[in-house]
Amino acid sequence: MFLELSHTKLNVYQSSQELILECYKVTKQFPTEEKFAMIQQIRRAALSVHLNIAEGCSRKSKAERSRFFEIARGSVIEIDTAIGLAHQLNYVDRKEFRAYWKFDHKNI
């Protein structure tokens, strides 16, 4: 962060940053054939969460902010769904996954 903007102090913003880092960690375990499929999709969705929260915070109207936050929420659901599928495919163990998923996802 180059600018010291107020949204960077929000719990939801900090949690979304942790989400990106955790998604990168967990997808490192995935098989290489998922490099251009599930791995990229999960990582892009995590980045989308973080960026949409940041951009939503910059909007003046409540309607605009809400729209960006809804998009971020949709990306969280996308990540959850993909990670669930990855678990079913045995790419990640449930116990390991819970260790990765230690951030406060309730803030997002």
C-alpha atoms as a PDB file:
ATOM      1  CA  MET A   1       0.000   0.000   0.000  1.00  0.00           C
ATOM      2  CA  PHE A   2       1.416   3.283  -1.061  1.00  0.00           C
ATOM      3  CA  LEU A   3      -1.430   5.456   0.161  1.00  0.00           C
ATOM      4  CA  GLU A   4      -2.543   5.536   3.772  1.00  0.00           C
ATOM      5  CA  LEU A   5      -6.276   5.311   3.090  1.00  0.00           C
ATOM      6  CA  SER A   6      -8.825   4.735   5.832  1.00  0.00           C
ATOM      7  CA  HIS A   7     -10.275   1.533   4.370  1.00  0.00           C
ATOM      8  CA  THR A   8      -6.954  -0.268   4.906  1.00  0.00           C
ATOM      9  CA  LYS A   9      -7.634  -0.188   8.646  1.00  0.00           C
ATOM     10  CA  LEU A  10     -10.994  -1.971   8.337  1.00  0.00           C
ATOM     11  CA  ASN A  11     -11.198  -5.539   9.629  1.00  0.00           C
ATOM     12  CA  VAL A  12     -12.918  -6.689   6.445  1.00  0.00           C
ATOM     13  CA  TYR A  13     -10.112  -5.284   4.305  1.00  0.00           C
ATOM     14  CA  GLN A  14      -7.439  -6.931   6.452  1.00  0.00           C
ATOM     15  CA  SER A  15      -9.355 -10.224   6.443  1.00  0.00           C
ATOM     16  CA  SER A  16      -9.661 -10.157   2.673  1.00  0.00           C
ATOM     17  CA  GLN A  17      -5.903  -9.681   2.419  1.00  0.00           C
ATOM     18  CA  GLU A  18      -5.415 -12.732   4.647  1.00  0.00           C
ATOM     19  CA  LEU A  19      -7.836 -14.609   2.389  1.00  0.00           C
ATOM     20  CA  ILE A  20      -5.587 -14.009  -0.623  1.00  0.00           C
ATOM     21  CA  LEU A  21      -2.513 -15.247   1.230  1.00  0.00           C
ATOM     22  CA  GLU A  22      -4.319 -18.343   2.506  1.00  0.00           C
ATOM     23  CA  CYS A  23      -5.682 -19.130  -0.963  1.00  0.00           C
ATOM     24  CA  TYR A  24      -2.170 -18.959  -2.384  1.00  0.00           C
ATOM     25  CA  LYS A  25      -0.892 -21.280   0.355  1.00  0.00           C
ATOM     26  CA  VAL A  26      -3.632 -23.848  -0.032  1.00  0.00           C
ATOM     27  CA  THR A  27      -3.491 -23.917  -3.848  1.00  0.00           C
ATOM     28  CA  LYS A  28       0.265 -24.581  -3.782  1.00  0.00           C
ATOM     29  CA  GLN A  29      -0.677 -28.127  -2.776  1.00  0.00           C
ATOM     30  CA  PHE A  30      -2.879 -28.700  -5.802  1.00  0.00           C
ATOM     31  CA  PRO A  31      -1.663 -30.879  -8.676  1.00  0.00           C
ATOM     32  CA  THR A  32       0.126 -29.106 -11.520  1.00  0.00           C
ATOM     33  CA  GLU A  33      -2.660 -29.975 -13.984  1.00  0.00           C
ATOM     34  CA  GLU A  34      -4.840 -27.494 -12.054  1.00  0.00           C
ATOM     35  CA  LYS A  35      -2.370 -24.647 -12.698  1.00  0.00           C
ATOM     36  CA  PHE A  36      -4.531 -22.984 -15.348  1.00  0.00           C
ATOM     37  CA  ALA A  37      -7.875 -24.120 -13.976  1.00  0.00           C
ATOM     38  CA  MET A  38      -8.853 -24.328 -10.331  1.00  0.00           C
ATOM     39  CA  ILE A  39      -5.689 -22.721  -8.942  1.00  0.00           C
ATOM     40  CA  GLN A  40      -6.052 -19.613 -11.085  1.00  0.00           C
ATOM     41  CA  GLN A  41      -9.796 -19.410 -10.470  1.00  0.00           C
ATOM     42  CA  ILE A  42      -9.398 -19.511  -6.679  1.00  0.00           C
ATOM     43  CA  ARG A  43      -6.569 -16.984  -6.716  1.00  0.00           C
ATOM     44  CA  ARG A  44      -8.420 -14.611  -9.037  1.00  0.00           C
ATOM     45  CA  ALA A  45     -11.558 -14.834  -6.908  1.00  0.00           C
ATOM     46  CA  ALA A  46      -9.541 -14.062  -3.759  1.00  0.00           C
ATOM     47  CA  LEU A  47      -7.984 -11.051  -5.439  1.00  0.00           C
ATOM     48  CA  SER A  48     -11.445  -9.974  -6.589  1.00  0.00           C
ATOM     49  CA  VAL A  49     -12.699 -10.017  -2.996  1.00  0.00           C
ATOM     50  CA  HIS A  50      -9.882  -7.763  -1.837  1.00  0.00           C
ATOM     51  CA  LEU A  51     -10.055  -5.346  -4.769  1.00  0.00           C
ATOM     52  CA  ASN A  52     -13.840  -5.015  -4.688  1.00  0.00           C
ATOM     53  CA  ILE A  53     -13.772  -4.226  -0.973  1.00  0.00           C
ATOM     54  CA  ALA A  54     -11.131  -1.564  -1.591  1.00  0.00           C
ATOM     55  CA  GLU A  55     -12.993  -0.051  -4.523  1.00  0.00           C
ATOM     56  CA  GLY A  56     -16.338  -0.235  -2.746  1.00  0.00           C
ATOM     57  CA  CYS A  57     -14.901   1.733   0.160  1.00  0.00           C
ATOM     58  CA  SER A  58     -13.975   4.531  -2.241  1.00  0.00           C
ATOM     59  CA  ARG A  59     -17.530   4.971  -3.543  1.00  0.00           C
ATOM     60  CA  LYS A  60     -19.612   7.865  -2.288  1.00  0.00           C
ATOM     61  CA  SER A  61     -23.111   6.441  -2.632  1.00  0.00           C
ATOM     62  CA  LYS A  62     -24.412   3.609  -0.490  1.00  0.00           C
ATOM     63  CA  ALA A  63     -25.834   1.855  -3.575  1.00  0.00           C
ATOM     64  CA  GLU A  64     -22.452   1.851  -5.316  1.00  0.00           C
ATOM     65  CA  ARG A  65     -20.646   0.621  -2.188  1.00  0.00           C
ATOM     66  CA  SER A  66     -23.209  -2.118  -1.716  1.00  0.00           C
ATOM     67  CA  ARG A  67     -22.764  -3.306  -5.295  1.00  0.00           C
ATOM     68  CA  PHE A  68     -18.995  -3.719  -4.896  1.00  0.00           C
ATOM     69  CA  PHE A  69     -19.466  -5.474  -1.554  1.00  0.00           C
ATOM     70  CA  GLU A  70     -21.993  -7.855  -3.128  1.00  0.00           C
ATOM     71  CA  ILE A  71     -19.495  -8.714  -5.855  1.00  0.00           C
ATOM     72  CA  ALA A  72     -16.874  -9.389  -3.173  1.00  0.00           C
ATOM     73  CA  ARG A  73     -19.314 -11.620  -1.303  1.00  0.00           C
ATOM     74  CA  GLY A  74     -20.035 -13.556  -4.485  1.00  0.00           C
ATOM     75  CA  SER A  75     -16.315 -14.167  -4.923  1.00  0.00           C
ATOM     76  CA  VAL A  76     -16.101 -15.507  -1.357  1.00  0.00           C
ATOM     77  CA  ILE A  77     -18.863 -17.996  -2.219  1.00  0.00           C
ATOM     78  CA  GLU A  78     -16.950 -18.925  -5.382  1.00  0.00           C
ATOM     79  CA  ILE A  79     -13.797 -19.636  -3.356  1.00  0.00           C
ATOM     80  CA  ASP A  80     -15.722 -21.686  -0.797  1.00  0.00           C
ATOM     81  CA  THR A  81     -17.318 -23.764  -3.544  1.00  0.00           C
ATOM     82  CA  ALA A  82     -13.991 -24.377  -5.316  1.00  0.00           C
ATOM     83  CA  ILE A  83     -12.214 -25.298  -2.074  1.00  0.00           C
ATOM     84  CA  GLY A  84     -15.056 -27.714  -1.272  1.00  0.00           C
ATOM     85  CA  LEU A  85     -14.582 -29.363  -4.641  1.00  0.00           C
ATOM     86  CA  ALA A  86     -10.809 -29.450  -4.118  1.00  0.00           C
ATOM     87  CA  HIS A  87     -11.422 -31.284  -0.845  1.00  0.00           C
ATOM     88  CA  GLN A  88     -13.631 -33.830  -2.635  1.00  0.00           C
ATOM     89  CA  LEU A  89     -10.861 -34.332  -5.192  1.00  0.00           C
ATOM     90  CA  ASN A  90      -8.385 -34.896  -2.326  1.00  0.00           C
ATOM     91  CA  TYR A  91      -6.291 -31.859  -3.243  1.00  0.00           C
ATOM     92  CA  VAL A  92      -6.519 -30.609   0.322  1.00  0.00           C
ATOM     93  CA  ASP A  93      -7.182 -32.458   3.575  1.00  0.00           C
ATOM     94  CA  ARG A  94      -9.936 -31.109   5.807  1.00  0.00           C
ATOM     95  CA  LYS A  95      -7.589 -30.827   8.821  1.00  0.00           C
ATOM     96  CA  GLU A  96      -4.958 -28.998   6.780  1.00  0.00           C
ATOM     97  CA  PHE A  97      -7.618 -26.823   5.257  1.00  0.00           C
ATOM     98  CA  ARG A  98      -8.898 -25.712   8.649  1.00  0.00           C
ATOM     99  CA  ALA A  99      -5.349 -24.736   9.620  1.00  0.00           C
ATOM    100  CA  TYR A 100      -5.111 -22.599   6.481  1.00  0.00           C
ATOM    101  CA  TRP A 101      -8.574 -21.149   6.936  1.00  0.00           C
ATOM    102  CA  LYS A 102      -7.731 -19.533  10.267  1.00  0.00           C
ATOM    103  CA  PHE A 103      -8.520 -15.975   9.250  1.00  0.00           C
ATOM    104  CA  ASP A 104     -11.768 -14.390  10.382  1.00  0.00           C
ATOM    105  CA  HIS A 105     -13.957 -15.128   7.358  1.00  0.00           C
ATOM    106  CA  LYS A 106     -17.040 -13.820   9.178  1.00  0.00           C
ATOM    107  CA  ASN A 107     -15.835 -10.278   8.463  1.00  0.00           C
ATOM    108  CA  ILE A 108     -16.170 -10.761   4.735  1.00  0.00           C
END
